Amino acid sequence: MLFLGPLYSFLAKQYATNINHFALVKLTLLALDKTIFYFLIFAVLRLIWLLLVRRRRSIRSEASVWGFSFYIILVLMLTTFRNTYFPWQLDFNFSRPLSDINLVFMKETWKLVYAPSHLDFFYNSFGNVLCFVPFGIFFPIVFSKRATFLRTVLMGMLFSVGIETLQFLLVTGVSDIDDVFFNTCGAILGYVIFKIVKKA
């Protein structure tokens, strides 16, 4: 880790043996560390673009772009690029059988209902929903003129499908239709929250 290494070392010494799912803590910190790195690159490129274009933008509009970008990077690091730090470390597996993709709706989710640990069920269902709530909130703010309800939901679903595709090719997760469903539900929930707050 480039930024959060000392924090992880401290937490590992204090809590690694006391927390059953400490691997999730490590995964989260590593994803956040990579997000900070790539967000800094985005920030530099964005500032250069703003200086070259000299386009007037409100602080609110620009803040939403930066927030949305940070969120997108974080989600990608948590779900897809969890095993690598730099692009040249990516290892695509184009020979992976398509049978590894779960296309049976709710098949894996029902298995998790009866699993010994309920954490996996909540992580897979509610976790996937919550993960995409910010998408449903940020998208209509950043693309205010074009972000209808259907377009927001469609883009959320396509983003989820893109993640599942990359997980399949990079072998960094299970490609599951349930994930797409829960992610899309999260985008819908986020859009509803956006509309409620906007009208308040």
N, C-alpha and C. Protein backbone atom coordinates (compact mmCIF):
# COMPACT_ATOMS: atom_id res chain seq x y z
N MET A 1 0.84 -1.20 0.00
CA MET A 1 0.00 0.00 0.00
C MET A 1 0.88 1.25 0.00
N LEU A 2 0.51 2.22 -0.80
CA LEU A 2 1.30 3.44 -0.92
C LEU A 2 0.94 4.47 0.14
N PHE A 3 -0.30 4.48 0.59
CA PHE A 3 -0.76 5.52 1.51
C PHE A 3 -1.23 4.97 2.86
N LEU A 4 -1.90 3.84 2.84
CA LEU A 4 -2.53 3.33 4.06
C LEU A 4 -1.80 2.14 4.67
N GLY A 5 -0.57 1.90 4.23
CA GLY A 5 0.22 0.79 4.76
C GLY A 5 0.38 0.82 6.27
N PRO A 6 0.80 1.96 6.84
CA PRO A 6 0.97 2.03 8.30
C PRO A 6 -0.33 1.78 9.06
N LEU A 7 -1.44 2.30 8.53
CA LEU A 7 -2.74 2.07 9.17
C LEU A 7 -3.11 0.60 9.15
N TYR A 8 -2.87 -0.05 8.01
CA TYR A 8 -3.19 -1.47 7.91
C TYR A 8 -2.31 -2.29 8.87
N SER A 9 -1.03 -1.96 8.94
CA SER A 9 -0.12 -2.69 9.83
C SER A 9 -0.57 -2.56 11.28
N PHE A 10 -0.99 -1.37 11.66
CA PHE A 10 -1.47 -1.15 13.03
C PHE A 10 -2.73 -1.97 13.31
N LEU A 11 -3.68 -1.92 12.38
CA LEU A 11 -4.93 -2.66 12.57
C LEU A 11 -4.69 -4.17 12.57
N ALA A 12 -3.76 -4.62 11.73
CA ALA A 12 -3.46 -6.05 11.65
C ALA A 12 -2.88 -6.56 12.97
N LYS A 13 -1.99 -5.77 13.56
CA LYS A 13 -1.39 -6.17 14.82
C LYS A 13 -2.41 -6.19 15.96
N GLN A 14 -3.34 -5.25 15.91
CA GLN A 14 -4.30 -5.11 17.01
C GLN A 14 -5.51 -6.04 16.89
N TYR A 15 -5.98 -6.23 15.64
CA TYR A 15 -7.29 -6.88 15.48
C TYR A 15 -7.34 -8.09 14.55
N ALA A 16 -6.23 -8.42 13.88
CA ALA A 16 -6.26 -9.51 12.89
C ALA A 16 -6.74 -10.83 13.48
N THR A 17 -6.36 -11.10 14.71
CA THR A 17 -6.74 -12.38 15.33
C THR A 17 -8.09 -12.31 16.05
N ASN A 18 -8.61 -11.09 16.21
CA ASN A 18 -9.86 -10.92 16.96
C ASN A 18 -11.08 -10.75 16.06
N ILE A 19 -10.86 -10.38 14.81
CA ILE A 19 -11.97 -10.16 13.88
C ILE A 19 -12.03 -11.31 12.88
N ASN A 20 -13.17 -11.98 12.83
CA ASN A 20 -13.31 -13.16 11.97
C ASN A 20 -13.13 -12.85 10.49
N HIS A 21 -13.65 -11.71 10.07
CA HIS A 21 -13.59 -11.35 8.65
C HIS A 21 -12.62 -10.19 8.42
N PHE A 22 -11.43 -10.30 9.01
CA PHE A 22 -10.44 -9.23 8.86
C PHE A 22 -9.98 -9.10 7.42
N ALA A 23 -10.15 -10.16 6.63
CA ALA A 23 -9.77 -10.08 5.21
C ALA A 23 -10.57 -9.00 4.49
N LEU A 24 -11.81 -8.76 4.94
CA LEU A 24 -12.62 -7.69 4.35
C LEU A 24 -12.05 -6.32 4.68
N VAL A 25 -11.48 -6.20 5.88
CA VAL A 25 -10.84 -4.94 6.27
C VAL A 25 -9.63 -4.69 5.38
N LYS A 26 -8.84 -5.74 5.15
CA LYS A 26 -7.67 -5.62 4.29
C LYS A 26 -8.09 -5.25 2.87
N LEU A 27 -9.12 -5.92 2.36
CA LEU A 27 -9.61 -5.65 1.00
C LEU A 27 -10.08 -4.21 0.87
N THR A 28 -10.79 -3.72 1.88
CA THR A 28 -11.31 -2.35 1.85
C THR A 28 -10.19 -1.32 1.89
N LEU A 29 -9.22 -1.53 2.77
CA LEU A 29 -8.11 -0.59 2.88
C LEU A 29 -7.25 -0.59 1.62
N LEU A 30 -7.03 -1.76 1.04
CA LEU A 30 -6.26 -1.85 -0.19
C LEU A 30 -6.98 -1.14 -1.33
N ALA A 31 -8.30 -1.35 -1.41
CA ALA A 31 -9.09 -0.69 -2.44
C ALA A 31 -9.07 0.82 -2.26
N LEU A 32 -9.18 1.27 -1.01
CA LEU A 32 -9.15 2.70 -0.73
C LEU A 32 -7.79 3.30 -1.05
N ASP A 33 -6.73 2.55 -0.76
CA ASP A 33 -5.38 3.00 -1.06
C ASP A 33 -5.19 3.20 -2.56
N LYS A 34 -5.65 2.24 -3.35
CA LYS A 34 -5.55 2.34 -4.81
C LYS A 34 -6.45 3.45 -5.34
N THR A 35 -7.59 3.62 -4.70
CA THR A 35 -8.51 4.69 -5.12
C THR A 35 -7.87 6.06 -4.94
N ILE A 36 -7.20 6.25 -3.82
CA ILE A 36 -6.51 7.52 -3.57
C ILE A 36 -5.47 7.77 -4.66
N PHE A 37 -4.72 6.75 -5.00
CA PHE A 37 -3.66 6.87 -6.01
C PHE A 37 -4.24 7.29 -7.37
N TYR A 38 -5.25 6.57 -7.83
CA TYR A 38 -5.81 6.87 -9.15
C TYR A 38 -6.68 8.12 -9.14
N PHE A 39 -7.23 8.45 -7.99
CA PHE A 39 -8.00 9.70 -7.91
C PHE A 39 -7.07 10.90 -8.01
N LEU A 40 -5.88 10.79 -7.45
CA LEU A 40 -4.90 11.87 -7.58
C LEU A 40 -4.51 12.08 -9.03
N ILE A 41 -4.37 10.97 -9.77
CA ILE A 41 -4.08 11.08 -11.21
C ILE A 41 -5.24 11.77 -11.92
N PHE A 42 -6.46 11.35 -11.58
CA PHE A 42 -7.65 11.99 -12.17
C PHE A 42 -7.67 13.48 -11.84
N ALA A 43 -7.35 13.83 -10.59
CA ALA A 43 -7.39 15.23 -10.16
C ALA A 43 -6.44 16.09 -10.98
N VAL A 44 -5.23 15.58 -11.20
CA VAL A 44 -4.24 16.31 -11.99
C VAL A 44 -4.74 16.51 -13.42
N LEU A 45 -5.22 15.43 -14.04
CA LEU A 45 -5.72 15.51 -15.41
C LEU A 45 -6.94 16.42 -15.51
N ARG A 46 -7.80 16.35 -14.52
CA ARG A 46 -9.00 17.19 -14.53
C ARG A 46 -8.64 18.67 -14.41
N LEU A 47 -7.70 18.99 -13.54
CA LEU A 47 -7.27 20.37 -13.38
C LEU A 47 -6.61 20.90 -14.65
N ILE A 48 -5.81 20.07 -15.29
CA ILE A 48 -5.18 20.47 -16.56
C ILE A 48 -6.25 20.74 -17.60
N TRP A 49 -7.26 19.86 -17.67
CA TRP A 49 -8.35 20.04 -18.63
C TRP A 49 -9.11 21.33 -18.38
N LEU A 50 -9.39 21.61 -17.11
CA LEU A 50 -10.12 22.83 -16.76
C LEU A 50 -9.33 24.07 -17.12
N LEU A 51 -8.01 24.02 -16.93
CA LEU A 51 -7.16 25.16 -17.27
C LEU A 51 -7.08 25.37 -18.78
N LEU A 52 -7.02 24.28 -19.52
CA LEU A 52 -6.91 24.39 -20.98
C LEU A 52 -8.23 24.84 -21.61
N VAL A 53 -9.32 24.29 -21.14
CA VAL A 53 -10.63 24.61 -21.71
C VAL A 53 -11.14 25.97 -21.21
N ARG A 54 -10.74 26.32 -19.99
CA ARG A 54 -11.18 27.57 -19.37
C ARG A 54 -12.71 27.68 -19.37
N ARG A 55 -13.30 26.60 -18.98
CA ARG A 55 -14.76 26.53 -18.96
C ARG A 55 -15.27 26.85 -17.56
N ARG A 56 -16.21 27.75 -17.49
CA ARG A 56 -16.77 28.13 -16.19
C ARG A 56 -17.73 27.05 -15.69
N ARG A 57 -17.44 26.58 -14.51
CA ARG A 57 -18.30 25.57 -13.89
C ARG A 57 -18.52 25.95 -12.43
N SER A 58 -19.72 25.71 -11.96
CA SER A 58 -20.01 26.01 -10.56
C SER A 58 -19.29 25.02 -9.65
N ILE A 59 -19.07 25.45 -8.42
CA ILE A 59 -18.39 24.58 -7.46
C ILE A 59 -19.21 23.32 -7.22
N ARG A 60 -20.54 23.46 -7.19
CA ARG A 60 -21.41 22.30 -6.97
C ARG A 60 -21.29 21.29 -8.10
N SER A 61 -21.29 21.78 -9.34
CA SER A 61 -21.19 20.88 -10.50
C SER A 61 -19.85 20.17 -10.53
N GLU A 62 -18.80 20.91 -10.25
CA GLU A 62 -17.46 20.32 -10.29
C GLU A 62 -17.27 19.33 -9.14
N ALA A 63 -17.81 19.67 -7.97
CA ALA A 63 -17.70 18.77 -6.81
C ALA A 63 -18.41 17.46 -7.08
N SER A 64 -19.53 17.51 -7.79
CA SER A 64 -20.27 16.29 -8.11
C SER A 64 -19.47 15.40 -9.06
N VAL A 65 -18.75 16.02 -10.01
CA VAL A 65 -17.91 15.26 -10.94
C VAL A 65 -16.79 14.56 -10.18
N TRP A 66 -16.16 15.29 -9.28
CA TRP A 66 -15.06 14.73 -8.50
C TRP A 66 -15.56 13.63 -7.57
N GLY A 67 -16.70 13.85 -6.95
CA GLY A 67 -17.27 12.84 -6.06
C GLY A 67 -17.67 11.58 -6.81
N PHE A 68 -18.29 11.76 -7.97
CA PHE A 68 -18.71 10.62 -8.79
C PHE A 68 -17.49 9.83 -9.27
N SER A 69 -16.44 10.53 -9.65
CA SER A 69 -15.22 9.88 -10.12
C SER A 69 -14.57 9.07 -9.01
N PHE A 70 -14.51 9.65 -7.81
CA PHE A 70 -13.94 8.92 -6.67
C PHE A 70 -14.74 7.66 -6.39
N TYR A 71 -16.05 7.78 -6.45
CA TYR A 71 -16.93 6.64 -6.21
C TYR A 71 -16.72 5.53 -7.24
N ILE A 72 -16.67 5.90 -8.53
CA ILE A 72 -16.48 4.92 -9.61
C ILE A 72 -15.16 4.18 -9.43
N ILE A 73 -14.10 4.93 -9.14
CA ILE A 73 -12.78 4.31 -8.95
C ILE A 73 -12.82 3.34 -7.77
N LEU A 74 -13.43 3.76 -6.67
CA LEU A 74 -13.50 2.92 -5.47
C LEU A 74 -14.25 1.62 -5.74
N VAL A 75 -15.38 1.71 -6.44
CA VAL A 75 -16.16 0.51 -6.75
C VAL A 75 -15.35 -0.44 -7.62
N LEU A 76 -14.64 0.09 -8.60
CA LEU A 76 -13.83 -0.75 -9.48
C LEU A 76 -12.71 -1.43 -8.70
N MET A 77 -12.11 -0.72 -7.77
CA MET A 77 -11.02 -1.30 -6.98
C MET A 77 -11.54 -2.35 -6.00
N LEU A 78 -12.74 -2.16 -5.50
CA LEU A 78 -13.32 -3.13 -4.57
C LEU A 78 -13.78 -4.40 -5.26
N THR A 79 -14.24 -4.27 -6.49
CA THR A 79 -14.89 -5.40 -7.15
C THR A 79 -14.06 -6.06 -8.24
N THR A 80 -13.31 -5.28 -8.98
CA THR A 80 -12.69 -5.79 -10.21
C THR A 80 -11.17 -5.87 -10.15
N PHE A 81 -10.54 -4.80 -9.73
CA PHE A 81 -9.07 -4.74 -9.75
C PHE A 81 -8.48 -4.96 -8.37
N ARG A 82 -9.06 -5.89 -7.63
CA ARG A 82 -8.66 -6.11 -6.24
C ARG A 82 -7.31 -6.80 -6.12
N ASN A 83 -6.86 -7.50 -7.16
CA ASN A 83 -5.60 -8.26 -7.06
C ASN A 83 -4.41 -7.56 -7.67
N THR A 84 -4.63 -6.39 -8.26
CA THR A 84 -3.53 -5.67 -8.91
C THR A 84 -3.55 -4.21 -8.50
N TYR A 85 -2.39 -3.59 -8.64
CA TYR A 85 -2.29 -2.16 -8.32
C TYR A 85 -2.13 -1.32 -9.58
N PHE A 86 -1.34 -1.84 -10.52
CA PHE A 86 -1.05 -1.09 -11.74
C PHE A 86 -1.61 -1.81 -12.97
N PRO A 87 -1.95 -1.07 -14.02
CA PRO A 87 -2.58 -1.67 -15.22
C PRO A 87 -1.77 -2.79 -15.85
N TRP A 88 -0.43 -2.65 -15.85
CA TRP A 88 0.39 -3.67 -16.50
C TRP A 88 0.42 -5.00 -15.72
N GLN A 89 -0.16 -5.01 -14.54
CA GLN A 89 -0.24 -6.24 -13.76
C GLN A 89 -1.49 -7.06 -14.07
N LEU A 90 -2.38 -6.51 -14.87
CA LEU A 90 -3.63 -7.20 -15.19
C LEU A 90 -3.36 -8.47 -15.99
N ASP A 91 -4.07 -9.51 -15.65
CA ASP A 91 -3.90 -10.81 -16.32
C ASP A 91 -5.27 -11.32 -16.75
N PHE A 92 -5.60 -11.10 -18.01
CA PHE A 92 -6.90 -11.53 -18.54
C PHE A 92 -6.88 -13.01 -18.88
N ASN A 93 -7.95 -13.68 -18.52
CA ASN A 93 -8.09 -15.11 -18.80
C ASN A 93 -9.24 -15.31 -19.79
N PHE A 94 -8.89 -15.35 -21.08
CA PHE A 94 -9.91 -15.48 -22.12
C PHE A 94 -10.32 -16.93 -22.37
N SER A 95 -9.69 -17.85 -21.67
CA SER A 95 -10.03 -19.27 -21.84
C SER A 95 -10.96 -19.77 -20.73
N ARG A 96 -11.39 -18.89 -19.87
CA ARG A 96 -12.27 -19.29 -18.78
C ARG A 96 -13.62 -19.74 -19.35
N PRO A 97 -14.13 -20.90 -18.92
CA PRO A 97 -15.39 -21.42 -19.48
C PRO A 97 -16.58 -20.55 -19.09
N LEU A 98 -17.51 -20.40 -20.02
CA LEU A 98 -18.71 -19.60 -19.78
C LEU A 98 -19.61 -20.22 -18.71
N SER A 99 -19.39 -21.49 -18.43
CA SER A 99 -20.18 -22.16 -17.39
C SER A 99 -19.90 -21.58 -16.00
N ASP A 100 -18.81 -20.81 -15.88
CA ASP A 100 -18.49 -20.17 -14.60
C ASP A 100 -19.42 -18.99 -14.30
N ILE A 101 -20.17 -18.55 -15.31
CA ILE A 101 -21.10 -17.44 -15.12
C ILE A 101 -22.44 -17.99 -14.62
N ASN A 102 -22.94 -17.44 -13.54
CA ASN A 102 -24.24 -17.87 -13.03
C ASN A 102 -25.35 -17.03 -13.66
N LEU A 103 -26.16 -17.65 -14.49
CA LEU A 103 -27.26 -16.97 -15.16
C LEU A 103 -28.62 -17.40 -14.61
N VAL A 104 -28.60 -18.23 -13.57
CA VAL A 104 -29.84 -18.68 -12.94
C VAL A 104 -30.21 -17.70 -11.83
N PHE A 105 -31.28 -16.97 -12.03
CA PHE A 105 -31.67 -15.89 -11.12
C PHE A 105 -31.93 -16.41 -9.70
N MET A 106 -31.25 -15.81 -8.74
CA MET A 106 -31.39 -16.07 -7.31
C MET A 106 -30.86 -17.45 -6.86
N LYS A 107 -30.22 -18.17 -7.74
CA LYS A 107 -29.69 -19.48 -7.38
C LYS A 107 -28.66 -19.37 -6.26
N GLU A 108 -27.65 -18.54 -6.46
CA GLU A 108 -26.58 -18.40 -5.48
C GLU A 108 -27.06 -17.67 -4.23
N THR A 109 -27.98 -16.74 -4.41
CA THR A 109 -28.49 -15.99 -3.26
C THR A 109 -29.23 -16.90 -2.29
N TRP A 110 -30.05 -17.81 -2.82
CA TRP A 110 -30.77 -18.75 -1.96
C TRP A 110 -29.81 -19.69 -1.24
N LYS A 111 -28.70 -20.03 -1.89
CA LYS A 111 -27.70 -20.87 -1.22
C LYS A 111 -27.13 -20.15 0.00
N LEU A 112 -26.91 -18.84 -0.15
CA LEU A 112 -26.33 -18.07 0.94
C LEU A 112 -27.29 -17.90 2.11
N VAL A 113 -28.59 -17.98 1.83
CA VAL A 113 -29.59 -17.87 2.90
C VAL A 113 -29.39 -18.98 3.92
N TYR A 114 -29.01 -20.16 3.45
CA TYR A 114 -28.83 -21.32 4.32
C TYR A 114 -27.36 -21.59 4.65
N ALA A 115 -26.50 -20.62 4.33
CA ALA A 115 -25.08 -20.78 4.64
C ALA A 115 -24.84 -20.62 6.14
N PRO A 116 -23.75 -21.20 6.66
CA PRO A 116 -23.45 -21.10 8.10
C PRO A 116 -23.33 -19.66 8.58
N SER A 117 -22.74 -18.81 7.73
CA SER A 117 -22.56 -17.40 8.10
C SER A 117 -23.54 -16.53 7.31
N HIS A 118 -24.36 -15.77 8.03
CA HIS A 118 -25.32 -14.89 7.37
C HIS A 118 -24.65 -13.64 6.79
N LEU A 119 -23.39 -13.41 7.19
CA LEU A 119 -22.67 -12.25 6.68
C LEU A 119 -22.55 -12.30 5.17
N ASP A 120 -22.30 -13.50 4.63
CA ASP A 120 -22.16 -13.64 3.18
C ASP A 120 -23.45 -13.27 2.46
N PHE A 121 -24.59 -13.64 3.06
CA PHE A 121 -25.88 -13.31 2.45
C PHE A 121 -26.11 -11.81 2.43
N PHE A 122 -25.88 -11.16 3.57
CA PHE A 122 -26.09 -9.71 3.65
C PHE A 122 -25.10 -8.96 2.77
N TYR A 123 -23.87 -9.45 2.71
CA TYR A 123 -22.85 -8.82 1.88
C TYR A 123 -23.23 -8.92 0.41
N ASN A 124 -23.75 -10.09 0.01
CA ASN A 124 -24.08 -10.32 -1.40
C ASN A 124 -25.34 -9.57 -1.83
N SER A 125 -26.32 -9.48 -0.95
CA SER A 125 -27.59 -8.84 -1.32
C SER A 125 -27.59 -7.35 -0.96
N PHE A 126 -27.67 -7.06 0.33
CA PHE A 126 -27.74 -5.67 0.76
C PHE A 126 -26.46 -4.90 0.43
N GLY A 127 -25.33 -5.59 0.48
CA GLY A 127 -24.07 -4.94 0.12
C GLY A 127 -24.06 -4.48 -1.32
N ASN A 128 -24.55 -5.33 -2.22
CA ASN A 128 -24.61 -4.96 -3.63
C ASN A 128 -25.61 -3.85 -3.90
N VAL A 129 -26.69 -3.82 -3.13
CA VAL A 129 -27.67 -2.74 -3.27
C VAL A 129 -27.05 -1.42 -2.81
N LEU A 130 -26.49 -1.41 -1.61
CA LEU A 130 -25.91 -0.19 -1.06
C LEU A 130 -24.75 0.32 -1.90
N CYS A 131 -24.02 -0.60 -2.52
CA CYS A 131 -22.87 -0.22 -3.34
C CYS A 131 -23.27 0.67 -4.51
N PHE A 132 -24.48 0.50 -5.02
CA PHE A 132 -24.90 1.26 -6.20
C PHE A 132 -25.87 2.40 -5.89
N VAL A 133 -26.20 2.59 -4.63
CA VAL A 133 -27.04 3.74 -4.25
C VAL A 133 -26.36 5.06 -4.64
N PRO A 134 -25.05 5.23 -4.37
CA PRO A 134 -24.39 6.47 -4.80
C PRO A 134 -24.45 6.69 -6.31
N PHE A 135 -24.44 5.61 -7.09
CA PHE A 135 -24.54 5.75 -8.54
C PHE A 135 -25.86 6.43 -8.91
N GLY A 136 -26.95 5.95 -8.31
CA GLY A 136 -28.26 6.52 -8.59
C GLY A 136 -28.40 7.96 -8.13
N ILE A 137 -27.59 8.36 -7.16
CA ILE A 137 -27.62 9.74 -6.67
C ILE A 137 -26.73 10.64 -7.52
N PHE A 138 -25.51 10.19 -7.77
CA PHE A 138 -24.54 11.01 -8.49
C PHE A 138 -24.87 11.19 -9.97
N PHE A 139 -25.33 10.12 -10.63
CA PHE A 139 -25.53 10.17 -12.08
C PHE A 139 -26.47 11.29 -12.51
N PRO A 140 -27.66 11.43 -11.90
CA PRO A 140 -28.54 12.53 -12.31
C PRO A 140 -28.03 13.91 -11.92
N ILE A 141 -27.09 13.98 -10.99
CA ILE A 141 -26.50 15.27 -10.63
C ILE A 141 -25.45 15.67 -11.66
N VAL A 142 -24.58 14.71 -12.01
CA VAL A 142 -23.51 14.99 -12.97
C VAL A 142 -24.06 15.20 -14.37
N PHE A 143 -25.02 14.37 -14.76
CA PHE A 143 -25.62 14.46 -16.10
C PHE A 143 -27.06 14.96 -15.98
N SER A 144 -27.22 16.10 -15.39
CA SER A 144 -28.55 16.61 -15.03
C SER A 144 -29.49 16.78 -16.22
N LYS A 145 -28.97 17.14 -17.38
CA LYS A 145 -29.83 17.42 -18.53
C LYS A 145 -30.28 16.15 -19.25
N ARG A 146 -29.55 15.07 -19.06
CA ARG A 146 -29.85 13.85 -19.82
C ARG A 146 -30.20 12.65 -18.94
N ALA A 147 -30.10 12.81 -17.64
CA ALA A 147 -30.26 11.67 -16.73
C ALA A 147 -31.71 11.47 -16.32
N THR A 148 -32.49 10.84 -17.17
CA THR A 148 -33.85 10.45 -16.80
C THR A 148 -33.78 9.22 -15.90
N PHE A 149 -34.92 8.83 -15.36
CA PHE A 149 -34.96 7.64 -14.51
C PHE A 149 -34.49 6.41 -15.28
N LEU A 150 -35.04 6.19 -16.47
CA LEU A 150 -34.69 5.01 -17.25
C LEU A 150 -33.22 5.02 -17.65
N ARG A 151 -32.71 6.19 -18.00
CA ARG A 151 -31.30 6.27 -18.41
C ARG A 151 -30.38 6.01 -17.23
N THR A 152 -30.75 6.51 -16.07
CA THR A 152 -29.95 6.27 -14.87
C THR A 152 -29.92 4.79 -14.52
N VAL A 153 -31.09 4.16 -14.56
CA VAL A 153 -31.18 2.73 -14.26
C VAL A 153 -30.41 1.91 -15.29
N LEU A 154 -30.54 2.28 -16.57
CA LEU A 154 -29.84 1.56 -17.64
C LEU A 154 -28.34 1.67 -17.49
N MET A 155 -27.85 2.87 -17.20
CA MET A 155 -26.41 3.06 -17.04
C MET A 155 -25.89 2.34 -15.80
N GLY A 156 -26.70 2.31 -14.74
CA GLY A 156 -26.31 1.56 -13.55
C GLY A 156 -26.21 0.08 -13.85
N MET A 157 -27.17 -0.44 -14.62
CA MET A 157 -27.16 -1.85 -14.99
C MET A 157 -25.97 -2.16 -15.88
N LEU A 158 -25.67 -1.29 -16.85
CA LEU A 158 -24.54 -1.50 -17.75
C LEU A 158 -23.22 -1.45 -17.00
N PHE A 159 -23.12 -0.54 -16.02
CA PHE A 159 -21.92 -0.47 -15.20
C PHE A 159 -21.72 -1.77 -14.42
N SER A 160 -22.82 -2.30 -13.90
CA SER A 160 -22.77 -3.57 -13.18
C SER A 160 -22.37 -4.72 -14.10
N VAL A 161 -22.94 -4.75 -15.30
CA VAL A 161 -22.59 -5.80 -16.27
C VAL A 161 -21.11 -5.69 -16.64
N GLY A 162 -20.62 -4.47 -16.78
CA GLY A 162 -19.21 -4.27 -17.08
C GLY A 162 -18.32 -4.81 -15.98
N ILE A 163 -18.72 -4.59 -14.73
CA ILE A 163 -17.96 -5.11 -13.59
C ILE A 163 -17.96 -6.63 -13.60
N GLU A 164 -19.13 -7.23 -13.82
CA GLU A 164 -19.22 -8.69 -13.84
C GLU A 164 -18.39 -9.28 -14.98
N THR A 165 -18.36 -8.60 -16.11
CA THR A 165 -17.56 -9.06 -17.25
C THR A 165 -16.08 -9.03 -16.93
N LEU A 166 -15.63 -7.93 -16.34
CA LEU A 166 -14.22 -7.81 -15.97
C LEU A 166 -13.85 -8.81 -14.87
N GLN A 167 -14.75 -9.04 -13.93
CA GLN A 167 -14.49 -10.04 -12.90
C GLN A 167 -14.32 -11.42 -13.52
N PHE A 168 -15.10 -11.70 -14.54
CA PHE A 168 -15.00 -12.99 -15.22
C PHE A 168 -13.67 -13.11 -15.94
N LEU A 169 -13.27 -12.07 -16.66
CA LEU A 169 -12.03 -12.12 -17.45
C LEU A 169 -10.78 -12.06 -16.58
N LEU A 170 -10.86 -11.36 -15.45
CA LEU A 170 -9.70 -11.21 -14.57
C LEU A 170 -9.70 -12.22 -13.43
N VAL A 171 -10.75 -13.03 -13.37
CA VAL A 171 -10.91 -14.05 -12.32
C VAL A 171 -10.76 -13.41 -10.94
N THR A 172 -11.45 -12.31 -10.74
CA THR A 172 -11.41 -11.62 -9.45
C THR A 172 -12.73 -11.72 -8.70
N GLY A 173 -13.63 -12.54 -9.19
CA GLY A 173 -14.91 -12.69 -8.52
C GLY A 173 -15.82 -13.60 -9.30
N VAL A 174 -16.99 -13.86 -8.75
CA VAL A 174 -17.98 -14.70 -9.41
C VAL A 174 -18.93 -13.83 -10.21
N SER A 175 -19.03 -14.10 -11.50
CA SER A 175 -19.95 -13.35 -12.36
C SER A 175 -21.36 -13.91 -12.16
N ASP A 176 -22.22 -13.08 -11.59
CA ASP A 176 -23.53 -13.57 -11.14
C ASP A 176 -24.62 -12.59 -11.56
N ILE A 177 -25.69 -13.11 -12.14
CA ILE A 177 -26.81 -12.27 -12.55
C ILE A 177 -27.49 -11.63 -11.34
N ASP A 178 -27.38 -12.28 -10.18
CA ASP A 178 -27.96 -11.70 -8.96
C ASP A 178 -27.29 -10.38 -8.61
N ASP A 179 -25.97 -10.30 -8.82
CA ASP A 179 -25.24 -9.07 -8.54
C ASP A 179 -25.76 -7.93 -9.40
N VAL A 180 -26.01 -8.21 -10.68
CA VAL A 180 -26.54 -7.19 -11.58
C VAL A 180 -27.91 -6.72 -11.10
N PHE A 181 -28.73 -7.66 -10.67
CA PHE A 181 -30.07 -7.33 -10.17
C PHE A 181 -29.99 -6.43 -8.94
N PHE A 182 -29.19 -6.83 -7.96
CA PHE A 182 -29.08 -6.05 -6.72
C PHE A 182 -28.44 -4.69 -6.98
N ASN A 183 -27.42 -4.65 -7.85
CA ASN A 183 -26.80 -3.37 -8.20
C ASN A 183 -27.80 -2.43 -8.85
N THR A 184 -28.61 -2.97 -9.76
CA THR A 184 -29.63 -2.16 -10.43
C THR A 184 -30.65 -1.64 -9.43
N CYS A 185 -31.03 -2.48 -8.48
CA CYS A 185 -31.95 -2.04 -7.42
C CYS A 185 -31.33 -0.89 -6.62
N GLY A 186 -30.02 -0.97 -6.40
CA GLY A 186 -29.32 0.10 -5.69
C GLY A 186 -29.36 1.41 -6.46
N ALA A 187 -29.17 1.32 -7.79
CA ALA A 187 -29.23 2.52 -8.63
C ALA A 187 -30.63 3.13 -8.59
N ILE A 188 -31.66 2.28 -8.61
CA ILE A 188 -33.04 2.76 -8.53
C ILE A 188 -33.28 3.46 -7.20
N LEU A 189 -32.84 2.83 -6.11
CA LEU A 189 -33.00 3.42 -4.78
C LEU A 189 -32.29 4.76 -4.68
N GLY A 190 -31.08 4.82 -5.25
CA GLY A 190 -30.33 6.07 -5.23
C GLY A 190 -31.04 7.17 -5.98
N TYR A 191 -31.63 6.83 -7.12
CA TYR A 191 -32.36 7.83 -7.92
C TYR A 191 -33.58 8.33 -7.15
N VAL A 192 -34.27 7.42 -6.47
CA VAL A 192 -35.44 7.81 -5.67
C VAL A 192 -35.02 8.76 -4.56
N ILE A 193 -33.91 8.46 -3.90
CA ILE A 193 -33.39 9.33 -2.84
C ILE A 193 -33.05 10.70 -3.42
N PHE A 194 -32.41 10.72 -4.59
CA PHE A 194 -32.07 11.98 -5.26
C PHE A 194 -33.31 12.82 -5.51
N LYS A 195 -34.37 12.20 -6.01
CA LYS A 195 -35.61 12.91 -6.32
C LYS A 195 -36.27 13.45 -5.05
N ILE A 196 -36.26 12.63 -3.99
CA ILE A 196 -36.88 13.06 -2.73
C ILE A 196 -36.15 14.26 -2.15
N VAL A 197 -34.82 14.19 -2.14
CA VAL A 197 -34.01 15.29 -1.61
C VAL A 197 -34.17 16.54 -2.47
N LYS A 198 -34.25 16.35 -3.77
CA LYS A 198 -34.38 17.49 -4.69
C LYS A 198 -35.69 18.23 -4.48
N LYS A 199 -36.75 17.48 -4.18
CA LYS A 199 -38.07 18.10 -3.99
C LYS A 199 -38.25 18.68 -2.59
N ALA A 200 -37.39 18.26 -1.67
CA ALA A 200 -37.53 18.72 -0.28
C ALA A 200 -37.19 20.20 -0.14
